[in-house]
Amino acid sequence: MTSTDRFLEEAIQEARQGLREGGIPIGSVIVHGDTILGRGHNRRVQKLSAILHGEMDALENGGRQPASIYRECVHFVVRNSPRHRRREPHLRGRRRTPSLPRRVG
């Protein structure tokens, strides 16, 4: 198993946890190097929140990090859609976490 597979599996487990809680099955992990900084799943239904998407939950659970760390992170997000339940959850995206805005001046 590659490190990418391991991180995807962690995101899949988060999506499954969200589904078990009665929410939308989207899981997310934020990875720096070989370390998971934050993990989370969509909690919009469970917490009646407009903003607690899986990505936001992972950022919240990861705590504050310097911008230099976030620039080097990879963000894994998976969705386990009910219409795809007979298949493995599919990868919605593997993307770099956006850099924080820089001050100009």
N, C-alpha and C. Protein backbone atom coordinates (compact mmCIF):
# COMPACT_ATOMS: atom_id res chain seq x y z
N MET A 1 0.85 -1.17 0.00
CA MET A 1 0.00 0.00 0.00
C MET A 1 0.90 1.24 0.00
N THR A 2 0.65 2.14 -0.93
CA THR A 2 1.42 3.38 -0.99
C THR A 2 0.89 4.37 0.05
N SER A 3 1.66 5.42 0.28
CA SER A 3 1.19 6.42 1.24
C SER A 3 -0.07 7.10 0.72
N THR A 4 -0.17 7.27 -0.61
CA THR A 4 -1.39 7.86 -1.19
C THR A 4 -2.59 6.97 -0.89
N ASP A 5 -2.43 5.66 -1.06
CA ASP A 5 -3.51 4.72 -0.75
C ASP A 5 -3.91 4.82 0.73
N ARG A 6 -2.91 4.94 1.59
CA ARG A 6 -3.19 5.04 3.02
C ARG A 6 -4.00 6.29 3.34
N PHE A 7 -3.64 7.41 2.73
CA PHE A 7 -4.36 8.65 3.00
C PHE A 7 -5.76 8.62 2.40
N LEU A 8 -5.89 8.03 1.23
CA LEU A 8 -7.23 7.88 0.64
C LEU A 8 -8.11 6.99 1.52
N GLU A 9 -7.53 5.93 2.05
CA GLU A 9 -8.29 5.05 2.94
C GLU A 9 -8.74 5.79 4.20
N GLU A 10 -7.90 6.65 4.73
CA GLU A 10 -8.28 7.45 5.89
C GLU A 10 -9.45 8.38 5.55
N ALA A 11 -9.40 9.01 4.37
CA ALA A 11 -10.50 9.88 3.94
C ALA A 11 -11.78 9.07 3.73
N ILE A 12 -11.66 7.86 3.19
CA ILE A 12 -12.81 6.98 3.01
C ILE A 12 -13.43 6.63 4.36
N GLN A 13 -12.58 6.35 5.35
CA GLN A 13 -13.09 6.04 6.69
C GLN A 13 -13.84 7.23 7.27
N GLU A 14 -13.35 8.43 7.03
CA GLU A 14 -14.06 9.62 7.49
C GLU A 14 -15.42 9.74 6.81
N ALA A 15 -15.47 9.47 5.50
CA ALA A 15 -16.75 9.52 4.78
C ALA A 15 -17.73 8.50 5.36
N ARG A 16 -17.24 7.32 5.64
CA ARG A 16 -18.11 6.28 6.22
C ARG A 16 -18.61 6.69 7.60
N GLN A 17 -17.75 7.35 8.37
CA GLN A 17 -18.17 7.82 9.70
C GLN A 17 -19.29 8.84 9.56
N GLY A 18 -19.16 9.74 8.60
CA GLY A 18 -20.22 10.72 8.36
C GLY A 18 -21.54 10.05 8.01
N LEU A 19 -21.48 9.01 7.19
CA LEU A 19 -22.68 8.27 6.81
C LEU A 19 -23.30 7.57 8.04
N ARG A 20 -22.44 6.98 8.88
CA ARG A 20 -22.94 6.32 10.11
C ARG A 20 -23.64 7.31 11.03
N GLU A 21 -23.18 8.56 11.01
CA GLU A 21 -23.79 9.59 11.85
C GLU A 21 -25.06 10.16 11.24
N GLY A 22 -25.43 9.68 10.06
CA GLY A 22 -26.64 10.16 9.41
C GLY A 22 -26.42 11.37 8.52
N GLY A 23 -25.16 11.66 8.23
CA GLY A 23 -24.83 12.83 7.43
C GLY A 23 -24.48 12.48 5.99
N ILE A 24 -23.92 13.46 5.32
CA ILE A 24 -23.49 13.31 3.93
C ILE A 24 -22.11 12.66 3.93
N PRO A 25 -21.92 11.58 3.18
CA PRO A 25 -20.67 10.81 3.26
C PRO A 25 -19.51 11.42 2.47
N ILE A 26 -18.92 12.47 3.01
CA ILE A 26 -17.74 13.08 2.42
C ILE A 26 -16.67 13.14 3.49
N GLY A 27 -15.49 12.58 3.18
CA GLY A 27 -14.39 12.57 4.13
C GLY A 27 -13.19 13.33 3.58
N SER A 28 -12.35 13.79 4.48
CA SER A 28 -11.24 14.64 4.09
C SER A 28 -10.06 14.45 5.03
N VAL A 29 -8.84 14.43 4.47
CA VAL A 29 -7.63 14.48 5.28
C VAL A 29 -6.67 15.49 4.67
N ILE A 30 -5.95 16.19 5.51
CA ILE A 30 -4.94 17.14 5.09
C ILE A 30 -3.60 16.56 5.51
N VAL A 31 -2.70 16.41 4.53
CA VAL A 31 -1.45 15.69 4.75
C VAL A 31 -0.26 16.62 4.50
N HIS A 32 0.67 16.58 5.41
CA HIS A 32 1.94 17.30 5.25
C HIS A 32 3.05 16.26 5.30
N GLY A 33 3.73 16.08 4.19
CA GLY A 33 4.76 15.03 4.13
C GLY A 33 4.11 13.67 4.27
N ASP A 34 4.43 12.99 5.35
CA ASP A 34 3.85 11.67 5.61
C ASP A 34 2.95 11.70 6.84
N THR A 35 2.53 12.90 7.26
CA THR A 35 1.76 13.06 8.49
C THR A 35 0.39 13.67 8.19
N ILE A 36 -0.63 13.09 8.78
CA ILE A 36 -1.97 13.67 8.67
C ILE A 36 -2.09 14.78 9.70
N LEU A 37 -2.27 16.01 9.21
CA LEU A 37 -2.43 17.15 10.11
C LEU A 37 -3.86 17.27 10.62
N GLY A 38 -4.81 16.98 9.74
CA GLY A 38 -6.21 17.11 10.11
C GLY A 38 -7.06 16.14 9.33
N ARG A 39 -8.13 15.71 9.95
CA ARG A 39 -9.09 14.81 9.30
C ARG A 39 -10.47 15.24 9.69
N GLY A 40 -11.43 14.96 8.83
CA GLY A 40 -12.80 15.33 9.16
C GLY A 40 -13.77 14.79 8.14
N HIS A 41 -15.04 15.00 8.41
CA HIS A 41 -16.09 14.59 7.48
C HIS A 41 -17.20 15.62 7.53
N ASN A 42 -18.05 15.57 6.52
CA ASN A 42 -19.13 16.53 6.40
C ASN A 42 -20.05 16.40 7.60
N ARG A 43 -20.28 17.50 8.30
CA ARG A 43 -21.15 17.51 9.49
C ARG A 43 -22.28 18.52 9.35
N ARG A 44 -22.61 18.87 8.11
CA ARG A 44 -23.66 19.87 7.90
C ARG A 44 -25.00 19.42 8.43
N VAL A 45 -25.33 18.16 8.23
CA VAL A 45 -26.62 17.64 8.69
C VAL A 45 -26.61 17.46 10.21
N GLN A 46 -25.55 16.84 10.72
CA GLN A 46 -25.49 16.53 12.14
C GLN A 46 -25.51 17.78 13.02
N LYS A 47 -24.82 18.84 12.60
CA LYS A 47 -24.70 20.05 13.41
C LYS A 47 -25.55 21.20 12.89
N LEU A 48 -26.38 20.91 11.87
CA LEU A 48 -27.21 21.94 11.24
C LEU A 48 -26.37 23.16 10.87
N SER A 49 -25.23 22.88 10.24
CA SER A 49 -24.27 23.93 9.90
C SER A 49 -24.25 24.18 8.40
N ALA A 50 -24.13 25.42 8.02
CA ALA A 50 -24.01 25.76 6.61
C ALA A 50 -22.58 25.63 6.11
N ILE A 51 -21.60 25.54 7.01
CA ILE A 51 -20.21 25.56 6.57
C ILE A 51 -19.39 24.33 6.95
N LEU A 52 -19.90 23.41 7.73
CA LEU A 52 -19.08 22.28 8.17
C LEU A 52 -18.98 21.18 7.11
N HIS A 53 -18.40 21.54 5.98
CA HIS A 53 -18.07 20.55 4.96
C HIS A 53 -16.89 19.73 5.48
N GLY A 54 -16.62 18.61 4.84
CA GLY A 54 -15.51 17.76 5.27
C GLY A 54 -14.18 18.48 5.28
N GLU A 55 -13.97 19.32 4.27
CA GLU A 55 -12.72 20.07 4.18
C GLU A 55 -12.56 21.02 5.36
N MET A 56 -13.65 21.71 5.71
CA MET A 56 -13.60 22.66 6.83
C MET A 56 -13.40 21.93 8.15
N ASP A 57 -14.02 20.77 8.29
CA ASP A 57 -13.87 19.97 9.50
C ASP A 57 -12.42 19.53 9.66
N ALA A 58 -11.80 19.12 8.57
CA ALA A 58 -10.39 18.70 8.62
C ALA A 58 -9.48 19.87 8.99
N LEU A 59 -9.74 21.04 8.41
CA LEU A 59 -8.94 22.22 8.76
C LEU A 59 -9.11 22.58 10.24
N GLU A 60 -10.35 22.54 10.71
CA GLU A 60 -10.62 22.84 12.13
C GLU A 60 -9.91 21.85 13.05
N ASN A 61 -9.97 20.58 12.72
CA ASN A 61 -9.36 19.54 13.55
C ASN A 61 -7.84 19.55 13.47
N GLY A 62 -7.30 20.13 12.40
CA GLY A 62 -5.85 20.19 12.25
C GLY A 62 -5.20 21.30 13.06
N GLY A 63 -5.99 22.21 13.56
CA GLY A 63 -5.44 23.31 14.33
C GLY A 63 -4.75 24.33 13.44
N ARG A 64 -4.31 25.40 14.03
CA ARG A 64 -3.64 26.46 13.27
C ARG A 64 -2.23 26.01 12.90
N GLN A 65 -1.91 26.20 11.64
CA GLN A 65 -0.58 25.90 11.14
C GLN A 65 -0.06 27.13 10.41
N PRO A 66 1.25 27.29 10.34
CA PRO A 66 1.79 28.41 9.57
C PRO A 66 1.47 28.23 8.08
N ALA A 67 1.37 29.34 7.37
CA ALA A 67 1.10 29.28 5.93
C ALA A 67 2.15 28.45 5.20
N SER A 68 3.39 28.48 5.68
CA SER A 68 4.45 27.70 5.03
C SER A 68 4.15 26.20 5.08
N ILE A 69 3.49 25.74 6.11
CA ILE A 69 3.10 24.33 6.21
C ILE A 69 1.96 24.03 5.24
N TYR A 70 0.94 24.89 5.23
CA TYR A 70 -0.20 24.66 4.33
C TYR A 70 0.22 24.64 2.87
N ARG A 71 1.23 25.44 2.50
CA ARG A 71 1.68 25.46 1.10
C ARG A 71 2.22 24.10 0.67
N GLU A 72 2.69 23.30 1.61
CA GLU A 72 3.29 22.01 1.30
C GLU A 72 2.31 20.86 1.50
N CYS A 73 1.08 21.14 1.87
CA CYS A 73 0.10 20.09 2.16
C CYS A 73 -0.60 19.59 0.91
N VAL A 74 -1.09 18.37 1.00
CA VAL A 74 -1.97 17.79 -0.01
C VAL A 74 -3.28 17.48 0.70
N HIS A 75 -4.38 17.77 0.01
CA HIS A 75 -5.70 17.61 0.60
C HIS A 75 -6.43 16.48 -0.15
N PHE A 76 -6.80 15.44 0.56
CA PHE A 76 -7.52 14.31 -0.02
C PHE A 76 -8.99 14.42 0.39
N VAL A 77 -9.88 14.36 -0.59
CA VAL A 77 -11.32 14.45 -0.33
C VAL A 77 -11.99 13.31 -1.08
N VAL A 78 -12.83 12.55 -0.40
CA VAL A 78 -13.58 11.46 -1.05
C VAL A 78 -15.06 11.60 -0.74
N ARG A 79 -15.86 11.10 -1.66
CA ARG A 79 -17.31 11.10 -1.48
C ARG A 79 -17.81 9.67 -1.65
N ASN A 80 -18.64 9.23 -0.74
CA ASN A 80 -19.27 7.92 -0.84
C ASN A 80 -20.75 8.15 -1.08
N SER A 81 -21.10 8.28 -2.34
CA SER A 81 -22.47 8.62 -2.70
C SER A 81 -23.38 7.42 -2.54
N PRO A 82 -24.60 7.61 -2.02
CA PRO A 82 -25.53 6.48 -1.89
C PRO A 82 -25.80 5.78 -3.21
N ARG A 83 -25.76 6.49 -4.32
CA ARG A 83 -26.01 5.82 -5.60
C ARG A 83 -24.83 4.96 -6.04
N HIS A 84 -23.68 5.10 -5.37
CA HIS A 84 -22.51 4.29 -5.70
C HIS A 84 -22.19 3.29 -4.59
N ARG A 85 -23.13 2.99 -3.74
CA ARG A 85 -22.84 2.16 -2.57
C ARG A 85 -22.27 0.79 -2.92
N ARG A 86 -22.58 0.27 -4.08
CA ARG A 86 -22.07 -1.06 -4.43
C ARG A 86 -20.62 -1.01 -4.85
N ARG A 87 -20.12 0.17 -5.12
CA ARG A 87 -18.72 0.35 -5.49
C ARG A 87 -17.98 0.99 -4.33
N GLU A 88 -16.68 1.02 -4.46
CA GLU A 88 -15.89 1.73 -3.47
C GLU A 88 -16.15 3.22 -3.59
N PRO A 89 -16.02 3.96 -2.51
CA PRO A 89 -16.17 5.41 -2.61
C PRO A 89 -15.17 5.96 -3.63
N HIS A 90 -15.56 6.94 -4.38
CA HIS A 90 -14.65 7.45 -5.40
C HIS A 90 -13.99 8.74 -4.96
N LEU A 91 -12.85 8.99 -5.55
CA LEU A 91 -12.06 10.17 -5.22
C LEU A 91 -12.67 11.38 -5.89
N ARG A 92 -13.07 12.35 -5.12
CA ARG A 92 -13.62 13.58 -5.67
C ARG A 92 -12.50 14.51 -6.11
N GLY A 93 -11.40 14.45 -5.44
CA GLY A 93 -10.30 15.31 -5.85
C GLY A 93 -9.08 15.13 -4.97
N ARG A 94 -7.95 15.27 -5.57
CA ARG A 94 -6.69 15.31 -4.83
C ARG A 94 -6.09 16.64 -5.22
N ARG A 95 -6.06 17.54 -4.31
CA ARG A 95 -5.62 18.87 -4.66
C ARG A 95 -4.74 19.44 -3.58
N ARG A 96 -3.97 20.39 -3.97
CA ARG A 96 -3.14 21.09 -2.99
C ARG A 96 -4.04 22.05 -2.22
N THR A 97 -3.79 22.19 -0.95
CA THR A 97 -4.53 23.15 -0.15
C THR A 97 -4.12 24.55 -0.63
N PRO A 98 -5.08 25.41 -0.89
CA PRO A 98 -4.72 26.74 -1.39
C PRO A 98 -3.88 27.52 -0.39
N SER A 99 -2.96 28.29 -0.92
CA SER A 99 -2.13 29.14 -0.07
C SER A 99 -2.99 30.23 0.53
N LEU A 100 -2.62 30.65 1.72
CA LEU A 100 -3.33 31.76 2.35
C LEU A 100 -2.95 33.05 1.63
N PRO A 101 -3.87 34.02 1.57
CA PRO A 101 -3.55 35.28 0.90
C PRO A 101 -2.38 35.98 1.58
N ARG A 102 -1.57 36.63 0.77
CA ARG A 102 -0.43 37.37 1.31
C ARG A 102 -0.77 38.84 1.39
N ARG A 103 -0.22 39.47 2.37
CA ARG A 103 -0.39 40.93 2.50
C ARG A 103 0.48 41.62 1.46
N VAL A 104 -0.06 42.61 0.84
CA VAL A 104 0.69 43.40 -0.13
C VAL A 104 0.96 44.76 0.48
N GLY A 105 2.20 45.20 0.34
CA GLY A 105 2.48 46.55 0.82
C GLY A 105 3.53 46.65 1.80
